[in-house]
Protein backbone atom coordinates (compact mmCIF):
# COMPACT_ATOMS: atom_id res chain seq x y z
CA UNK A 1 -23.43 -10.13 117.87
CA UNK A 2 -24.65 -7.71 120.54
CA UNK A 3 -22.38 -4.93 119.24
CA UNK A 4 -23.67 -5.52 115.71
CA UNK A 5 -27.31 -5.21 116.85
CA UNK A 6 -26.59 -2.02 118.83
CA UNK A 7 -24.79 -0.52 115.83
CA UNK A 8 -27.73 -1.31 113.54
CA UNK A 9 -30.20 0.17 116.05
CA UNK A 10 -28.22 3.42 116.27
CA UNK A 11 -28.22 3.66 112.48
CA UNK A 12 -32.03 3.62 112.51
CA UNK A 13 -32.39 6.81 114.57
CA UNK A 14 -31.73 9.31 111.72
CA UNK A 15 -33.97 7.26 109.40
CA UNK A 16 -36.86 7.45 111.88
CA UNK A 17 -36.36 11.21 112.25
CA UNK A 18 -36.51 11.70 108.47
CA UNK A 19 -39.68 9.58 108.28
CA UNK A 20 -41.30 11.64 111.04
CA UNK A 21 -40.47 14.91 109.26
CA UNK A 22 -41.86 13.60 105.96
CA UNK A 23 -45.06 12.34 107.60
CA UNK A 24 -45.55 15.62 109.45
CA UNK A 25 -44.87 17.70 106.34
CA UNK A 26 -47.31 15.62 104.29
CA UNK A 27 -50.26 17.64 105.59
CA UNK A 28 -48.60 20.89 104.51
CA UNK A 29 -48.14 19.89 100.85
CA UNK A 30 -51.43 18.10 100.17
CA UNK A 31 -54.11 20.25 98.47
CA UNK A 32 -56.84 21.93 100.50
CA UNK A 33 -55.12 21.94 103.86
CA UNK A 34 -55.92 20.08 107.06
CA UNK A 35 -58.44 22.66 108.31
CA UNK A 36 -60.53 22.47 105.12
CA UNK A 37 -60.40 18.65 105.17
CA UNK A 38 -61.48 18.64 108.81
CA UNK A 39 -64.45 20.93 108.09
CA UNK A 40 -65.47 19.01 104.96
CA UNK A 41 -65.54 15.73 106.91
CA UNK A 42 -68.03 17.33 109.30
CA UNK A 43 -70.16 18.89 106.53
CA UNK A 44 -69.20 22.44 107.59
CA UNK A 45 -68.77 25.08 104.90
CA UNK A 46 -65.09 26.18 104.75
CA UNK A 47 -65.46 29.95 105.27
CA UNK A 48 -62.70 32.22 106.57
CA UNK A 49 -64.19 32.16 110.06
CA UNK A 50 -64.68 28.38 110.17
CA UNK A 51 -61.19 27.74 108.76
CA UNK A 52 -59.64 30.03 111.38
CA UNK A 53 -61.61 28.28 114.14
CA UNK A 54 -60.56 24.84 112.83
CA UNK A 55 -56.90 25.88 112.63
CA UNK A 56 -57.04 27.07 116.23
CA UNK A 57 -58.76 23.85 117.36
CA UNK A 58 -56.24 21.66 115.50
CA UNK A 59 -53.28 23.75 116.66
CA UNK A 60 -52.34 24.74 113.10
CA UNK A 61 -51.91 28.40 114.08
CA UNK A 62 -48.93 27.57 116.30
CA UNK A 63 -45.29 27.84 115.11
CA UNK A 64 -44.36 24.99 112.77
CA UNK A 65 -41.61 23.65 115.03
CA UNK A 66 -43.99 23.61 118.00
CA UNK A 67 -46.57 21.71 115.94
CA UNK A 68 -43.92 19.17 114.91
CA UNK A 69 -42.76 18.44 118.46
CA UNK A 70 -46.35 18.15 119.72
CA UNK A 71 -47.15 15.73 116.91
CA UNK A 72 -43.87 13.80 117.42
CA UNK A 73 -44.56 13.43 121.15
CA UNK A 74 -47.99 11.98 120.37
CA UNK A 75 -46.63 9.68 117.63
CA UNK A 76 -43.92 8.36 119.98
CA UNK A 77 -46.71 7.39 122.40
CA UNK A 78 -48.71 5.92 119.49
CA UNK A 79 -51.27 8.70 119.80
CA UNK A 80 -52.04 9.98 116.29
CA UNK A 81 -55.13 11.90 117.29
CA UNK A 82 -58.66 11.50 115.96
CA UNK A 83 -59.70 10.48 112.46
CA UNK A 84 -61.41 13.22 110.44
CA UNK A 85 -63.67 10.67 108.75
CA UNK A 86 -64.83 8.51 111.67
CA UNK A 87 -64.20 10.93 114.55
CA UNK A 88 -62.63 8.01 116.45
CA UNK A 89 -59.15 7.52 117.88
CA UNK A 90 -56.76 6.53 115.08
CA UNK A 91 -54.58 4.05 116.99
CA UNK A 92 -57.25 1.36 117.67
CA UNK A 93 -58.67 1.74 114.15
CA UNK A 94 -55.33 1.39 112.40
CA UNK A 95 -54.19 -1.44 114.69
CA UNK A 96 -57.31 -3.43 113.84
CA UNK A 97 -56.67 -2.99 110.11
CA UNK A 98 -52.96 -3.78 110.58
CA UNK A 99 -53.82 -6.98 112.44
CA UNK A 100 -55.96 -8.14 109.51
CA UNK A 101 -53.29 -7.27 106.95
CA UNK A 102 -50.54 -8.98 108.96
CA UNK A 103 -52.71 -12.07 109.27
CA UNK A 104 -53.13 -12.08 105.50
CA UNK A 105 -49.38 -11.58 104.99
CA UNK A 106 -48.60 -14.41 107.44
CA UNK A 107 -50.90 -16.77 105.52
CA UNK A 108 -49.20 -15.68 102.27
CA UNK A 109 -45.81 -16.43 103.84
CA UNK A 110 -46.97 -19.97 104.62
CA UNK A 111 -47.85 -20.46 100.93
CA UNK A 112 -44.49 -18.94 100.01
CA UNK A 113 -42.45 -21.35 102.14
CA UNK A 114 -44.51 -24.46 101.36
CA UNK A 115 -44.32 -23.98 97.58
CA UNK A 116 -41.20 -21.98 96.70
CA UNK A 117 -38.66 -23.90 98.85
CA UNK A 118 -39.46 -27.38 97.41
CA UNK A 119 -39.64 -25.90 93.89
CA UNK A 120 -36.23 -24.25 94.28
CA UNK A 121 -34.56 -27.33 95.78
CA UNK A 122 -35.95 -29.81 93.23
CA UNK A 123 -35.07 -27.50 90.34
CA UNK A 124 -31.50 -27.10 91.60
CA UNK A 125 -31.01 -30.83 92.09
CA UNK A 126 -32.31 -31.55 88.57
CA UNK A 127 -31.16 -28.56 86.46
CA UNK A 128 -32.50 -28.38 82.90
CA UNK A 129 -34.88 -31.26 83.58
CA UNK A 130 -38.57 -31.26 82.65
CA UNK A 131 -39.42 -30.20 86.20
CA UNK A 132 -36.89 -27.36 86.05
CA UNK A 133 -38.37 -26.10 82.78
CA UNK A 134 -41.86 -26.32 84.30
CA UNK A 135 -40.79 -24.30 87.36
CA UNK A 136 -39.19 -21.69 85.09
CA UNK A 137 -42.44 -21.35 83.16
CA UNK A 138 -44.37 -21.14 86.42
CA UNK A 139 -41.99 -18.45 87.66
CA UNK A 140 -42.46 -16.43 84.48
CA UNK A 141 -46.26 -16.66 84.61
CA UNK A 142 -46.41 -16.01 88.35
CA UNK A 143 -44.20 -12.93 88.13
CA UNK A 144 -46.07 -11.57 85.10
CA UNK A 145 -49.69 -12.11 86.15
CA UNK A 146 -51.31 -9.05 87.80
CA UNK A 147 -52.62 -9.80 91.28
CA UNK A 148 -56.10 -8.46 90.48
CA UNK A 149 -56.36 -10.88 87.53
CA UNK A 150 -55.22 -13.82 89.66
CA UNK A 151 -57.75 -12.83 92.32
CA UNK A 152 -60.63 -12.61 89.84
CA UNK A 153 -59.73 -16.00 88.33
CA UNK A 154 -59.60 -17.65 91.75
CA UNK A 155 -62.97 -16.13 92.69
CA UNK A 156 -64.46 -17.29 89.39
CA UNK A 157 -63.20 -20.85 89.88
CA UNK A 158 -63.53 -21.53 93.61
CA UNK A 159 -66.44 -19.25 94.52
CA UNK A 160 -68.63 -18.89 91.44
CA UNK A 161 -68.10 -22.24 89.68
CA UNK A 162 -67.26 -24.65 92.52
CA UNK A 163 -68.77 -22.72 95.44
CA UNK A 164 -66.02 -23.95 97.76
CA UNK A 165 -64.59 -20.74 99.22
CA UNK A 166 -66.01 -17.35 100.28
CA UNK A 167 -65.38 -14.65 97.70
CA UNK A 168 -65.04 -11.63 99.98
CA UNK A 169 -64.59 -10.42 103.54
CA UNK A 170 -63.02 -11.99 106.61
CA UNK A 171 -65.43 -14.60 107.92
CA UNK A 172 -63.47 -17.71 108.89
CA UNK A 173 -60.27 -19.63 108.17
CA UNK A 174 -61.39 -20.38 104.60
CA UNK A 175 -61.56 -16.63 103.91
CA UNK A 176 -57.75 -16.48 104.09
CA UNK A 177 -57.07 -19.05 101.37
CA UNK A 178 -57.73 -17.15 98.13
CA UNK A 179 -56.48 -13.66 99.10
CA UNK A 180 -53.31 -15.05 100.71
CA UNK A 181 -52.57 -17.26 97.68
CA UNK A 182 -53.15 -14.29 95.37
CA UNK A 183 -50.79 -12.17 97.45
CA UNK A 184 -48.13 -14.90 97.55
CA UNK A 185 -48.13 -16.05 93.91
CA UNK A 186 -45.71 -13.46 92.52
CA UNK A 187 -43.33 -13.98 95.43
CA UNK A 188 -43.49 -17.77 95.08
CA UNK A 189 -42.40 -17.47 91.47
CA UNK A 190 -39.42 -15.22 92.18
CA UNK A 191 -38.28 -17.01 95.36
CA UNK A 192 -38.17 -20.43 93.76
CA UNK A 193 -35.79 -18.98 91.15
CA UNK A 194 -33.69 -17.13 93.75
CA UNK A 195 -33.24 -20.33 95.78
CA UNK A 196 -32.53 -22.44 92.68
CA UNK A 197 -29.86 -20.07 91.36
CA UNK A 198 -28.28 -19.66 94.79
CA UNK A 199 -28.13 -23.43 95.29
CA UNK A 200 -26.56 -24.01 91.87
CA UNK A 201 -23.95 -21.34 92.57
CA UNK A 202 -23.05 -22.81 95.96
CA UNK A 203 -22.93 -26.36 94.59
CA UNK A 204 -19.92 -25.24 92.53
CA UNK A 205 -18.23 -23.37 95.40
CA UNK A 206 -14.85 -24.33 96.85
CA UNK A 207 -16.32 -25.14 100.27
CA UNK A 208 -18.71 -27.71 98.82
CA UNK A 209 -16.00 -29.30 96.65
CA UNK A 210 -13.70 -29.51 99.69
CA UNK A 211 -16.48 -31.08 101.80
CA UNK A 212 -17.02 -33.73 99.15
CA UNK A 213 -13.28 -34.37 98.96
CA UNK A 214 -13.29 -35.03 102.71
CA UNK A 215 -15.73 -37.87 102.09
CA UNK A 216 -18.81 -36.32 103.67
CA UNK A 217 -22.13 -37.81 102.64
CA UNK A 218 -24.04 -35.87 99.99
CA UNK A 219 -26.96 -35.19 102.36
CA UNK A 220 -24.54 -33.70 104.91
CA UNK A 221 -22.83 -31.59 102.25
CA UNK A 222 -26.16 -30.29 101.00
CA UNK A 223 -27.64 -29.42 104.40
CA UNK A 224 -24.50 -28.09 106.14
CA UNK A 225 -22.83 -26.26 103.26
CA UNK A 226 -24.93 -25.81 100.12
CA UNK A 227 -28.35 -25.06 101.64
CA UNK A 228 -26.99 -23.04 104.59
CA UNK A 229 -25.02 -20.63 102.38
CA UNK A 230 -27.83 -20.45 99.83
CA UNK A 231 -30.30 -19.27 102.46
CA UNK A 232 -28.63 -15.85 102.96
CA UNK A 233 -30.17 -14.13 99.89
CA UNK A 234 -33.41 -16.03 100.48
CA UNK A 235 -33.72 -14.90 104.13
CA UNK A 236 -32.90 -11.30 103.21
CA UNK A 237 -35.51 -11.18 100.46
CA UNK A 238 -37.98 -13.18 102.55
CA UNK A 239 -37.94 -10.65 105.40
CA UNK A 240 -38.17 -7.71 103.02
CA UNK A 241 -41.10 -9.37 101.27
CA UNK A 242 -43.11 -9.14 104.49
CA UNK A 243 -42.95 -5.36 104.18
CA UNK A 244 -43.73 -5.61 100.48
CA UNK A 245 -46.78 -7.74 101.20
CA UNK A 246 -48.02 -5.35 103.88
CA UNK A 247 -47.68 -2.36 101.57
CA UNK A 248 -48.67 -4.18 98.38
CA UNK A 249 -51.84 -5.73 99.73
CA UNK A 250 -53.94 -2.75 98.57
CA UNK A 251 -55.14 -4.39 95.33
CA UNK A 252 -55.70 -7.81 96.89
CA UNK A 253 -57.67 -6.35 99.79
CA UNK A 254 -59.77 -4.35 97.37
CA UNK A 255 -60.54 -7.41 95.21
CA UNK A 256 -61.53 -9.57 98.20
CA UNK A 257 -63.02 -6.73 100.34
CA UNK A 258 -60.51 -7.55 103.05
CA UNK A 259 -60.71 -5.14 106.04
CA UNK A 260 -57.00 -4.34 106.18
CA UNK A 261 -54.52 -1.49 105.79
CA UNK A 262 -54.94 -1.34 102.03
CA UNK A 263 -58.66 -0.60 102.13
CA UNK A 264 -58.15 1.75 105.07
CA UNK A 265 -55.59 3.93 103.28
CA UNK A 266 -57.70 4.07 100.09
CA UNK A 267 -60.75 5.29 102.03
CA UNK A 268 -58.55 7.73 104.00
CA UNK A 269 -57.12 9.26 100.83
CA UNK A 270 -60.59 9.59 99.31
CA UNK A 271 -61.85 11.29 102.50
CA UNK A 272 -58.68 13.40 102.87
CA UNK A 273 -58.27 12.00 106.36
CA UNK A 274 -54.80 13.49 106.89
CA UNK A 275 -54.12 12.22 110.45
CA UNK A 276 -54.91 8.68 109.32
CA UNK A 277 -52.62 9.06 106.29
CA UNK A 278 -49.84 10.34 108.56
CA UNK A 279 -50.28 7.37 110.90
CA UNK A 280 -50.22 4.98 107.93
CA UNK A 281 -46.93 6.44 106.64
CA UNK A 282 -45.27 6.25 110.07
CA UNK A 283 -46.43 2.72 110.86
CA UNK A 284 -45.57 1.28 107.44
CA UNK A 285 -42.13 2.92 107.54
CA UNK A 286 -41.56 1.57 111.05
CA UNK A 287 -42.54 -1.92 109.89
CA UNK A 288 -40.18 -1.74 106.91
CA UNK A 289 -37.31 -0.59 109.13
CA UNK A 290 -37.97 -3.28 111.74
CA UNK A 291 -38.22 -6.03 109.13
CA UNK A 292 -35.00 -4.84 107.48
CA UNK A 293 -33.27 -4.97 110.87
CA UNK A 294 -34.54 -8.51 111.50
CA UNK A 295 -33.30 -9.56 108.04
CA UNK A 296 -29.82 -8.16 108.77
CA UNK A 297 -29.66 -9.91 112.15
CA UNK A 298 -30.79 -13.25 110.68
CA UNK A 299 -28.22 -13.02 107.88
CA UNK A 300 -25.51 -12.16 110.42
CA UNK A 301 -26.54 -15.19 112.47
CA UNK A 302 -26.38 -17.46 109.41
CA UNK A 303 -23.07 -16.03 108.19
CA UNK A 304 -20.88 -14.57 111.01
CA UNK A 305 -18.59 -12.94 108.42
CA UNK A 306 -21.34 -10.35 107.74
CA UNK A 307 -21.27 -8.93 111.28
CA UNK A 308 -17.47 -8.81 111.33
CA UNK A 309 -17.42 -6.88 108.06
CA UNK A 310 -20.14 -4.42 109.21
């Protein structure tokens, strides 16, 4: 297992280098240039003299390779410089937003596990039953409904009509309920179907038939063979969904005025805050890579054959 983890870590090095090059080059391809964006954020007219002074201050007049290594050294130490918009250090600002988004994603994951796992198991145990047809319809509606529409409907029902939950912002525990449920709904729908189909496939597998032939109790067969093998695609998709939730929370955070990464990147793009955009790209890529690694390790732990084949 240790060799497998080391091998996977070594494979991440070139990916991280490519991400760093893309994030660094982002400033060079966006319109206007970093110097103009820096001056505009400070209400300074972008003349030739002011642009030249800004380029010298920001180090943009140095050779490109030198700029890259200076930026890479700072990024490796989690020092992304100062935000053009707020004139504050980027790291504390983006970490605060990331903490809020991760809290929202964690709450959404709780909804995902509590609802999708029972739905998938009950549907697999009673295929083509009324409950199975209901869960299929729920999966179709959940996967089709836009998150902004779900959010507006929840606000209309629980905030406007019933006055039970806060409609915006991060105030207390109740503030997590509607945005996290909105974020989780589409994933709940798809995961209940993934688990159902995986369970049905494994119920017909040779291992399960052999376990039954040995006289094992049905509960033991289900927990030790059917459910265990069915969890591999679920765990893989579950871990990857964390990254999807972190990146896809933009709309949900906008609907509920949630102070997370989604709102931060929207305001940064509008303000042409290039250092903040660079930091966002690096951090989100790093999260995706880390989550993917965790998913691979968990799947290898569940099924040892995966690490021997790698």
